[in-house]
């Protein structure tokens, strides 16, 4: 007797985001301006959830709009390298005003915290050297001595997201995900979160290809959402949209976020994309 077939996990974006509650600890996947779950975050802004504890590998526009719209009570992030654009504007304001709790991490410490949660242990040890300058900014971490080598280690406590939001290149109907570019900490987020929802550029019958595959056992639902990372990149389908990002930066810096937010609140995602591309062309440095 053959086993039952895996469940169909395809749902609408509205259904997925409705699972997020005020006060939830939400992990946002992606790396830098690649595979950011901006489409899911836009849907989140249409609701009324507040007090979110955001966890992200890097602070990008998806994180920043949540700060600008006052949806976050805390932010845990990997301290960024300097970029030509500078820090996102709402994030920079939060750093200056201390309006929310901000916890800097390194890639090693954030990954270690997620792995501790997955393993259900009290802490995950990482090398003291892997904390870099962040180690001097955190007074909540405990340094221990390795019982085998005697070298100092940092005991990173568990980081348990209530929800993980990811965007991937492809998924199948059973929740298996394929990531064709840098995965960052998406796998750790998916495996440690209470619930994981992923938007995908396409839903296919067979996840062929050589990318990282996250098992559908760790994914609660998938949503087909082409251009779901826009304005971030999702290679090979599309690149980062610099023009739209600049338009957002300018709006926040000039105190016009409420007007910018109206463009996010249009009825459908297709309408949002159409309006956003027009805004991007107006702001493009090339004048295109």
C-alpha atoms as a PDB file:
ATOM      1  CA  UNK A   1       0.000   0.000   0.000  1.00  0.00           C
ATOM      2  CA  UNK A   2       1.509   3.316  -1.096  1.00  0.00           C
ATOM      3  CA  UNK A   3       1.790   6.239   1.300  1.00  0.00           C
ATOM      4  CA  UNK A   4      -0.387   9.295   1.033  1.00  0.00           C
ATOM      5  CA  UNK A   5       0.842  12.133  -1.185  1.00  0.00           C
ATOM      6  CA  UNK A   6       2.339  15.255   0.452  1.00  0.00           C
ATOM      7  CA  UNK A   7      -0.158  18.043   1.167  1.00  0.00           C
ATOM      8  CA  UNK A   8      -0.676  20.926  -1.252  1.00  0.00           C
ATOM      9  CA  UNK A   9       0.755  23.992   0.516  1.00  0.00           C
ATOM     10  CA  UNK A  10      -0.052  26.700  -2.033  1.00  0.00           C
ATOM     11  CA  UNK A  11      -2.116  29.534  -0.542  1.00  0.00           C
ATOM     12  CA  UNK A  12      -2.738  33.210  -1.252  1.00  0.00           C
ATOM     13  CA  UNK A  13      -0.494  35.970   0.037  1.00  0.00           C
ATOM     14  CA  UNK A  14      -3.391  37.370   2.044  1.00  0.00           C
ATOM     15  CA  UNK A  15      -3.869  34.022   3.801  1.00  0.00           C
ATOM     16  CA  UNK A  16      -0.166  33.728   4.601  1.00  0.00           C
ATOM     17  CA  UNK A  17       0.250  37.202   6.072  1.00  0.00           C
ATOM     18  CA  UNK A  18      -2.956  36.838   8.103  1.00  0.00           C
ATOM     19  CA  UNK A  19      -1.041  34.316  10.239  1.00  0.00           C
ATOM     20  CA  UNK A  20       1.240  37.064  11.620  1.00  0.00           C
ATOM     21  CA  UNK A  21       0.146  38.657  14.898  1.00  0.00           C
ATOM     22  CA  UNK A  22       1.150  41.840  16.687  1.00  0.00           C
ATOM     23  CA  UNK A  23       4.236  41.254  18.808  1.00  0.00           C
ATOM     24  CA  UNK A  24       5.486  38.339  16.711  1.00  0.00           C
ATOM     25  CA  UNK A  25       9.187  37.815  16.181  1.00  0.00           C
ATOM     26  CA  UNK A  26       9.502  37.850  12.375  1.00  0.00           C
ATOM     27  CA  UNK A  27      12.609  36.730  10.469  1.00  0.00           C
ATOM     28  CA  UNK A  28      13.082  38.264   7.009  1.00  0.00           C
ATOM     29  CA  UNK A  29      15.157  36.210   4.591  1.00  0.00           C
ATOM     30  CA  UNK A  30      17.453  37.261   1.788  1.00  0.00           C
ATOM     31  CA  UNK A  31      20.939  38.747   1.633  1.00  0.00           C
ATOM     32  CA  UNK A  32      21.680  42.439   1.056  1.00  0.00           C
ATOM     33  CA  UNK A  33      19.477  43.545  -1.890  1.00  0.00           C
ATOM     34  CA  UNK A  34      18.797  40.001  -3.075  1.00  0.00           C
ATOM     35  CA  UNK A  35      15.679  37.852  -2.543  1.00  0.00           C
ATOM     36  CA  UNK A  36      14.122  40.203  -0.006  1.00  0.00           C
ATOM     37  CA  UNK A  37      10.496  39.254   0.809  1.00  0.00           C
ATOM     38  CA  UNK A  38       9.257  42.755  -0.068  1.00  0.00           C
ATOM     39  CA  UNK A  39       5.989  41.541  -1.567  1.00  0.00           C
ATOM     40  CA  UNK A  40       5.127  39.815   1.708  1.00  0.00           C
ATOM     41  CA  UNK A  41       6.171  42.869   3.730  1.00  0.00           C
ATOM     42  CA  UNK A  42       4.007  45.125   1.541  1.00  0.00           C
ATOM     43  CA  UNK A  43       1.030  42.874   2.326  1.00  0.00           C
ATOM     44  CA  UNK A  44       1.921  43.114   6.006  1.00  0.00           C
ATOM     45  CA  UNK A  45       1.704  46.917   5.801  1.00  0.00           C
ATOM     46  CA  UNK A  46      -1.900  46.647   4.591  1.00  0.00           C
ATOM     47  CA  UNK A  47      -2.892  45.167   7.958  1.00  0.00           C
ATOM     48  CA  UNK A  48      -2.699  46.502  11.485  1.00  0.00           C
ATOM     49  CA  UNK A  49      -0.020  44.370  13.151  1.00  0.00           C
ATOM     50  CA  UNK A  50       2.442  46.320  15.305  1.00  0.00           C
ATOM     51  CA  UNK A  51       5.176  45.651  17.847  1.00  0.00           C
ATOM     52  CA  UNK A  52       7.035  43.231  15.595  1.00  0.00           C
ATOM     53  CA  UNK A  53      10.466  41.978  16.594  1.00  0.00           C
ATOM     54  CA  UNK A  54      12.371  41.903  13.321  1.00  0.00           C
ATOM     55  CA  UNK A  55      15.280  39.539  12.655  1.00  0.00           C
ATOM     56  CA  UNK A  56      17.239  39.973   9.436  1.00  0.00           C
ATOM     57  CA  UNK A  57      20.609  39.162   7.977  1.00  0.00           C
ATOM     58  CA  UNK A  58      20.886  42.670   6.534  1.00  0.00           C
ATOM     59  CA  UNK A  59      18.809  45.831   6.834  1.00  0.00           C
ATOM     60  CA  UNK A  60      17.329  46.641   3.444  1.00  0.00           C
ATOM     61  CA  UNK A  61      14.215  48.337   2.127  1.00  0.00           C
ATOM     62  CA  UNK A  62      11.842  45.604   3.342  1.00  0.00           C
ATOM     63  CA  UNK A  63      13.077  46.054   6.900  1.00  0.00           C
ATOM     64  CA  UNK A  64      13.201  49.829   6.580  1.00  0.00           C
ATOM     65  CA  UNK A  65       9.567  50.272   5.528  1.00  0.00           C
ATOM     66  CA  UNK A  66       8.497  48.415   8.664  1.00  0.00           C
ATOM     67  CA  UNK A  67      10.556  50.848  10.726  1.00  0.00           C
ATOM     68  CA  UNK A  68       9.263  53.871   8.815  1.00  0.00           C
ATOM     69  CA  UNK A  69       5.667  52.719   9.328  1.00  0.00           C
ATOM     70  CA  UNK A  70       6.288  52.171  13.050  1.00  0.00           C
ATOM     71  CA  UNK A  71       5.491  48.450  12.906  1.00  0.00           C
ATOM     72  CA  UNK A  72       8.602  47.255  14.745  1.00  0.00           C
ATOM     73  CA  UNK A  73       9.469  47.349  18.433  1.00  0.00           C
ATOM     74  CA  UNK A  74      12.922  45.827  17.988  1.00  0.00           C
ATOM     75  CA  UNK A  75      15.442  44.928  15.316  1.00  0.00           C
ATOM     76  CA  UNK A  76      18.107  42.231  15.401  1.00  0.00           C
ATOM     77  CA  UNK A  77      20.440  42.526  12.423  1.00  0.00           C
ATOM     78  CA  UNK A  78      23.912  41.721  11.137  1.00  0.00           C
ATOM     79  CA  UNK A  79      25.971  44.907  11.378  1.00  0.00           C
ATOM     80  CA  UNK A  80      26.372  46.094   7.768  1.00  0.00           C
ATOM     81  CA  UNK A  81      29.403  47.026   5.773  1.00  0.00           C
ATOM     82  CA  UNK A  82      29.449  50.594   4.486  1.00  0.00           C
ATOM     83  CA  UNK A  83      27.584  51.059   1.184  1.00  0.00           C
ATOM     84  CA  UNK A  84      27.472  53.847  -1.364  1.00  0.00           C
ATOM     85  CA  UNK A  85      23.854  54.615  -0.452  1.00  0.00           C
ATOM     86  CA  UNK A  86      24.524  54.691   3.265  1.00  0.00           C
ATOM     87  CA  UNK A  87      22.197  53.097   5.826  1.00  0.00           C
ATOM     88  CA  UNK A  88      18.474  52.991   4.973  1.00  0.00           C
ATOM     89  CA  UNK A  89      16.869  56.187   6.282  1.00  0.00           C
ATOM     90  CA  UNK A  90      14.390  54.866   8.866  1.00  0.00           C
ATOM     91  CA  UNK A  91      17.066  52.534  10.220  1.00  0.00           C
ATOM     92  CA  UNK A  92      19.510  55.443  10.488  1.00  0.00           C
ATOM     93  CA  UNK A  93      16.885  57.453  12.365  1.00  0.00           C
ATOM     94  CA  UNK A  94      16.223  54.557  14.763  1.00  0.00           C
ATOM     95  CA  UNK A  95      19.949  54.280  15.476  1.00  0.00           C
ATOM     96  CA  UNK A  96      20.118  58.010  16.195  1.00  0.00           C
ATOM     97  CA  UNK A  97      16.979  58.334  18.321  1.00  0.00           C
ATOM     98  CA  UNK A  98      16.965  54.890  20.017  1.00  0.00           C
ATOM     99  CA  UNK A  99      13.247  54.746  19.198  1.00  0.00           C
ATOM    100  CA  UNK A 100      13.299  50.932  19.153  1.00  0.00           C
ATOM    101  CA  UNK A 101      15.513  48.272  20.669  1.00  0.00           C
ATOM    102  CA  UNK A 102      18.363  47.503  18.257  1.00  0.00           C
ATOM    103  CA  UNK A 103      20.564  44.432  18.707  1.00  0.00           C
ATOM    104  CA  UNK A 104      23.607  44.139  16.419  1.00  0.00           C
ATOM    105  CA  UNK A 105      24.810  40.698  15.429  1.00  0.00           C
ATOM    106  CA  UNK A 106      27.474  39.136  13.272  1.00  0.00           C
ATOM    107  CA  UNK A 107      26.638  36.460  10.728  1.00  0.00           C
ATOM    108  CA  UNK A 108      28.159  33.939  13.119  1.00  0.00           C
ATOM    109  CA  UNK A 109      26.178  35.051  16.169  1.00  0.00           C
ATOM    110  CA  UNK A 110      22.835  35.333  14.369  1.00  0.00           C
ATOM    111  CA  UNK A 111      23.354  31.973  12.733  1.00  0.00           C
ATOM    112  CA  UNK A 112      24.439  30.522  16.064  1.00  0.00           C
ATOM    113  CA  UNK A 113      21.323  31.825  17.817  1.00  0.00           C
ATOM    114  CA  UNK A 114      19.061  30.311  15.167  1.00  0.00           C
ATOM    115  CA  UNK A 115      20.917  26.993  15.364  1.00  0.00           C
ATOM    116  CA  UNK A 116      20.604  26.978  19.156  1.00  0.00           C
ATOM    117  CA  UNK A 117      16.851  27.373  18.777  1.00  0.00           C
ATOM    118  CA  UNK A 118      16.734  24.581  16.205  1.00  0.00           C
ATOM    119  CA  UNK A 119      18.748  22.242  18.448  1.00  0.00           C
ATOM    120  CA  UNK A 120      16.719  23.291  21.513  1.00  0.00           C
ATOM    121  CA  UNK A 121      19.848  23.965  23.526  1.00  0.00           C
ATOM    122  CA  UNK A 122      20.599  26.801  25.953  1.00  0.00           C
ATOM    123  CA  UNK A 123      23.304  28.352  23.775  1.00  0.00           C
ATOM    124  CA  UNK A 124      25.454  27.883  20.681  1.00  0.00           C
ATOM    125  CA  UNK A 125      29.220  28.459  21.043  1.00  0.00           C
ATOM    126  CA  UNK A 126      31.050  30.622  18.516  1.00  0.00           C
ATOM    127  CA  UNK A 127      34.616  31.881  18.464  1.00  0.00           C
ATOM    128  CA  UNK A 128      35.107  35.115  20.357  1.00  0.00           C
ATOM    129  CA  UNK A 129      36.976  36.513  17.345  1.00  0.00           C
ATOM    130  CA  UNK A 130      33.855  36.037  15.182  1.00  0.00           C
ATOM    131  CA  UNK A 131      32.023  38.710  17.181  1.00  0.00           C
ATOM    132  CA  UNK A 132      34.323  41.464  15.899  1.00  0.00           C
ATOM    133  CA  UNK A 133      33.400  44.962  17.061  1.00  0.00           C
ATOM    134  CA  UNK A 134      29.874  43.782  17.862  1.00  0.00           C
ATOM    135  CA  UNK A 135      31.246  41.995  20.906  1.00  0.00           C
ATOM    136  CA  UNK A 136      32.047  45.333  22.544  1.00  0.00           C
ATOM    137  CA  UNK A 137      28.503  46.611  21.939  1.00  0.00           C
ATOM    138  CA  UNK A 138      26.719  43.697  23.621  1.00  0.00           C
ATOM    139  CA  UNK A 139      26.670  43.256  27.403  1.00  0.00           C
ATOM    140  CA  UNK A 140      24.189  40.370  27.279  1.00  0.00           C
ATOM    141  CA  UNK A 141      26.600  37.752  25.941  1.00  0.00           C
ATOM    142  CA  UNK A 142      28.598  35.384  28.130  1.00  0.00           C
ATOM    143  CA  UNK A 143      32.178  34.403  27.323  1.00  0.00           C
ATOM    144  CA  UNK A 144      33.104  30.852  28.289  1.00  0.00           C
ATOM    145  CA  UNK A 145      36.239  28.741  28.003  1.00  0.00           C
ATOM    146  CA  UNK A 146      36.231  25.818  25.608  1.00  0.00           C
ATOM    147  CA  UNK A 147      36.633  22.688  27.760  1.00  0.00           C
ATOM    148  CA  UNK A 148      38.824  21.055  25.083  1.00  0.00           C
ATOM    149  CA  UNK A 149      41.084  23.812  23.752  1.00  0.00           C
ATOM    150  CA  UNK A 150      40.817  26.506  26.409  1.00  0.00           C
ATOM    151  CA  UNK A 151      40.105  29.202  23.814  1.00  0.00           C
ATOM    152  CA  UNK A 152      37.436  31.806  24.651  1.00  0.00           C
ATOM    153  CA  UNK A 153      34.009  31.208  23.147  1.00  0.00           C
ATOM    154  CA  UNK A 154      30.858  33.298  23.140  1.00  0.00           C
ATOM    155  CA  UNK A 155      27.717  31.501  24.318  1.00  0.00           C
ATOM    156  CA  UNK A 156      25.016  32.795  21.965  1.00  0.00           C
ATOM    157  CA  UNK A 157      21.467  32.328  23.324  1.00  0.00           C
ATOM    158  CA  UNK A 158      18.678  30.882  21.162  1.00  0.00           C
ATOM    159  CA  UNK A 159      16.881  33.118  18.671  1.00  0.00           C
ATOM    160  CA  UNK A 160      13.445  31.666  17.947  1.00  0.00           C
ATOM    161  CA  UNK A 161      11.382  33.425  15.249  1.00  0.00           C
ATOM    162  CA  UNK A 162       7.633  33.029  15.456  1.00  0.00           C
ATOM    163  CA  UNK A 163       7.437  33.442  11.691  1.00  0.00           C
ATOM    164  CA  UNK A 164       9.975  33.371   8.857  1.00  0.00           C
ATOM    165  CA  UNK A 165       9.215  35.162   5.571  1.00  0.00           C
ATOM    166  CA  UNK A 166      11.352  34.088   2.617  1.00  0.00           C
ATOM    167  CA  UNK A 167      11.453  34.750  -1.113  1.00  0.00           C
ATOM    168  CA  UNK A 168      12.929  32.099  -3.404  1.00  0.00           C
ATOM    169  CA  UNK A 169      13.452  31.448  -7.078  1.00  0.00           C
ATOM    170  CA  UNK A 170      11.208  28.386  -7.180  1.00  0.00           C
ATOM    171  CA  UNK A 171       9.007  26.160  -5.060  1.00  0.00           C
ATOM    172  CA  UNK A 172       6.796  23.161  -5.619  1.00  0.00           C
ATOM    173  CA  UNK A 173       3.240  22.672  -4.388  1.00  0.00           C
ATOM    174  CA  UNK A 174       4.443  20.682  -1.388  1.00  0.00           C
ATOM    175  CA  UNK A 175       6.493  23.527   0.081  1.00  0.00           C
ATOM    176  CA  UNK A 176       9.949  22.485  -1.075  1.00  0.00           C
ATOM    177  CA  UNK A 177      11.987  25.610  -1.863  1.00  0.00           C
ATOM    178  CA  UNK A 178      14.917  26.184  -4.208  1.00  0.00           C
ATOM    179  CA  UNK A 179      17.385  29.053  -3.746  1.00  0.00           C
ATOM    180  CA  UNK A 180      19.693  29.613  -6.716  1.00  0.00           C
ATOM    181  CA  UNK A 181      21.763  32.469  -5.271  1.00  0.00           C
ATOM    182  CA  UNK A 182      23.380  33.103  -1.876  1.00  0.00           C
ATOM    183  CA  UNK A 183      21.147  31.579   0.790  1.00  0.00           C
ATOM    184  CA  UNK A 184      22.318  33.704   3.706  1.00  0.00           C
ATOM    185  CA  UNK A 185      20.562  32.336   6.786  1.00  0.00           C
ATOM    186  CA  UNK A 186      17.299  31.417   5.069  1.00  0.00           C
ATOM    187  CA  UNK A 187      17.626  27.733   5.863  1.00  0.00           C
ATOM    188  CA  UNK A 188      18.331  28.386   9.540  1.00  0.00           C
ATOM    189  CA  UNK A 189      15.369  30.776   9.688  1.00  0.00           C
ATOM    190  CA  UNK A 190      13.041  28.249   8.079  1.00  0.00           C
ATOM    191  CA  UNK A 191      14.106  25.396  10.345  1.00  0.00           C
ATOM    192  CA  UNK A 192      13.991  27.358  13.611  1.00  0.00           C
ATOM    193  CA  UNK A 193      10.791  29.381  13.051  1.00  0.00           C
ATOM    194  CA  UNK A 194       7.430  28.435  14.464  1.00  0.00           C
ATOM    195  CA  UNK A 195       5.926  28.981  10.991  1.00  0.00           C
ATOM    196  CA  UNK A 196       7.611  29.556   7.635  1.00  0.00           C
ATOM    197  CA  UNK A 197       5.969  31.176   4.628  1.00  0.00           C
ATOM    198  CA  UNK A 198       7.710  31.611   1.290  1.00  0.00           C
ATOM    199  CA  UNK A 199       6.869  33.585  -1.797  1.00  0.00           C
ATOM    200  CA  UNK A 200       8.343  32.170  -5.000  1.00  0.00           C
ATOM    201  CA  UNK A 201       8.959  33.493  -8.474  1.00  0.00           C
ATOM    202  CA  UNK A 202       7.350  30.351  -9.812  1.00  0.00           C
ATOM    203  CA  UNK A 203       5.747  27.154  -8.585  1.00  0.00           C
ATOM    204  CA  UNK A 204       6.888  24.111 -10.527  1.00  0.00           C
ATOM    205  CA  UNK A 205       6.231  20.395 -10.580  1.00  0.00           C
ATOM    206  CA  UNK A 206       9.900  19.430 -10.294  1.00  0.00           C
ATOM    207  CA  UNK A 207      12.579  21.468  -8.535  1.00  0.00           C
ATOM    208  CA  UNK A 208      15.329  20.765 -11.037  1.00  0.00           C
ATOM    209  CA  UNK A 209      18.548  22.717 -10.724  1.00  0.00           C
ATOM    210  CA  UNK A 210      21.588  22.898  -8.520  1.00  0.00           C
ATOM    211  CA  UNK A 211      20.494  25.378  -5.876  1.00  0.00           C
ATOM    212  CA  UNK A 212      19.922  24.870  -2.175  1.00  0.00           C
ATOM    213  CA  UNK A 213      16.658  23.052  -1.470  1.00  0.00           C
ATOM    214  CA  UNK A 214      14.819  23.622   1.802  1.00  0.00           C
ATOM    215  CA  UNK A 215      12.542  20.707   2.572  1.00  0.00           C
ATOM    216  CA  UNK A 216       8.817  21.302   2.563  1.00  0.00           C
ATOM    217  CA  UNK A 217       8.694  19.629   5.976  1.00  0.00           C
ATOM    218  CA  UNK A 218       9.891  22.959   7.379  1.00  0.00           C
ATOM    219  CA  UNK A 219       7.638  25.194   5.260  1.00  0.00           C
ATOM    220  CA  UNK A 220       4.017  25.853   6.191  1.00  0.00           C
ATOM    221  CA  UNK A 221       2.872  27.435   2.932  1.00  0.00           C
ATOM    222  CA  UNK A 222       4.072  28.865  -0.377  1.00  0.00           C
ATOM    223  CA  UNK A 223       2.727  31.702  -2.499  1.00  0.00           C
ATOM    224  CA  UNK A 224       3.446  32.173  -6.193  1.00  0.00           C
ATOM    225  CA  UNK A 225       4.479  35.815  -6.490  1.00  0.00           C
ATOM    226  CA  UNK A 226       6.537  36.816  -9.533  1.00  0.00           C
ATOM    227  CA  UNK A 227       8.685  39.877  -8.780  1.00  0.00           C
ATOM    228  CA  UNK A 228       8.017  39.238  -5.109  1.00  0.00           C
ATOM    229  CA  UNK A 229      11.464  40.559  -4.147  1.00  0.00           C
ATOM    230  CA  UNK A 230      11.120  43.856  -6.065  1.00  0.00           C
ATOM    231  CA  UNK A 231      12.821  46.324  -5.723  1.00  0.00           C
ATOM    232  CA  UNK A 232      15.507  43.878  -4.554  1.00  0.00           C
ATOM    233  CA  UNK A 233      17.026  41.489  -7.049  1.00  0.00           C
ATOM    234  CA  UNK A 234      16.065  37.901  -7.681  1.00  0.00           C
ATOM    235  CA  UNK A 235      18.611  36.631 -10.172  1.00  0.00           C
ATOM    236  CA  UNK A 236      18.494  35.493 -12.872  1.00  0.00           C
ATOM    237  CA  UNK A 237      14.988  36.942 -13.327  1.00  0.00           C
ATOM    238  CA  UNK A 238      15.661  40.598 -12.436  1.00  0.00           C
ATOM    239  CA  UNK A 239      18.216  42.920 -10.905  1.00  0.00           C
ATOM    240  CA  UNK A 240      18.048  45.358  -8.018  1.00  0.00           C
ATOM    241  CA  UNK A 241      16.006  48.451  -8.935  1.00  0.00           C
ATOM    242  CA  UNK A 242      18.185  51.347  -7.822  1.00  0.00           C
ATOM    243  CA  UNK A 243      15.752  54.016  -9.016  1.00  0.00           C
ATOM    244  CA  UNK A 244      12.922  52.801  -6.816  1.00  0.00           C
ATOM    245  CA  UNK A 245      15.260  52.470  -3.847  1.00  0.00           C
ATOM    246  CA  UNK A 246      16.459  56.060  -4.299  1.00  0.00           C
ATOM    247  CA  UNK A 247      12.854  57.266  -4.513  1.00  0.00           C
ATOM    248  CA  UNK A 248      12.105  55.561  -1.209  1.00  0.00           C
ATOM    249  CA  UNK A 249      15.228  56.971   0.468  1.00  0.00           C
ATOM    250  CA  UNK A 250      14.323  60.494  -0.675  1.00  0.00           C
ATOM    251  CA  UNK A 251      10.708  60.177   0.485  1.00  0.00           C
ATOM    252  CA  UNK A 252      11.688  59.139   4.008  1.00  0.00           C
ATOM    253  CA  UNK A 253      14.470  61.685   4.323  1.00  0.00           C
ATOM    254  CA  UNK A 254      12.106  64.457   3.194  1.00  0.00           C
ATOM    255  CA  UNK A 255       9.347  63.429   5.609  1.00  0.00           C
ATOM    256  CA  UNK A 256       7.123  62.160   2.793  1.00  0.00           C
ATOM    257  CA  UNK A 257       6.823  58.512   3.778  1.00  0.00           C
ATOM    258  CA  UNK A 258       3.036  58.756   4.173  1.00  0.00           C
ATOM    259  CA  UNK A 259       2.752  59.743   0.512  1.00  0.00           C
ATOM    260  CA  UNK A 260       5.127  56.948  -0.470  1.00  0.00           C
ATOM    261  CA  UNK A 261       3.100  54.511   1.586  1.00  0.00           C
ATOM    262  CA  UNK A 262       0.025  55.258  -0.528  1.00  0.00           C
ATOM    263  CA  UNK A 263       1.803  53.688  -3.491  1.00  0.00           C
ATOM    264  CA  UNK A 264       2.213  50.505  -1.434  1.00  0.00           C
ATOM    265  CA  UNK A 265      -1.472  50.356  -0.551  1.00  0.00           C
ATOM    266  CA  UNK A 266      -2.903  49.888  -4.063  1.00  0.00           C
ATOM    267  CA  UNK A 267      -5.332  47.025  -4.422  1.00  0.00           C
ATOM    268  CA  UNK A 268      -3.263  44.411  -6.276  1.00  0.00           C
ATOM    269  CA  UNK A 269       0.390  43.486  -6.453  1.00  0.00           C
ATOM    270  CA  UNK A 270       0.361  43.990 -10.239  1.00  0.00           C
ATOM    271  CA  UNK A 271      -0.879  47.557  -9.725  1.00  0.00           C
ATOM    272  CA  UNK A 272       1.871  48.128  -7.186  1.00  0.00           C
ATOM    273  CA  UNK A 273       4.512  46.893  -9.633  1.00  0.00           C
ATOM    274  CA  UNK A 274       3.196  49.077 -12.440  1.00  0.00           C
ATOM    275  CA  UNK A 275       3.172  52.210 -10.283  1.00  0.00           C
ATOM    276  CA  UNK A 276       6.556  51.368  -8.782  1.00  0.00           C
ATOM    277  CA  UNK A 277       8.253  51.008 -12.155  1.00  0.00           C
ATOM    278  CA  UNK A 278       7.012  54.445 -13.157  1.00  0.00           C
ATOM    279  CA  UNK A 279       8.448  55.889  -9.944  1.00  0.00           C
ATOM    280  CA  UNK A 280      11.697  54.045 -10.560  1.00  0.00           C
ATOM    281  CA  UNK A 281      12.099  55.494 -14.061  1.00  0.00           C
ATOM    282  CA  UNK A 282      11.523  59.016 -12.747  1.00  0.00           C
ATOM    283  CA  UNK A 283      14.268  58.566 -10.147  1.00  0.00           C
ATOM    284  CA  UNK A 284      16.755  56.538 -12.190  1.00  0.00           C
ATOM    285  CA  UNK A 285      20.222  58.121 -12.190  1.00  0.00           C
ATOM    286  CA  UNK A 286      20.485  57.374 -15.910  1.00  0.00           C
ATOM    287  CA  UNK A 287      17.307  59.288 -16.594  1.00  0.00           C
ATOM    288  CA  UNK A 288      15.829  56.242 -18.329  1.00  0.00           C
END
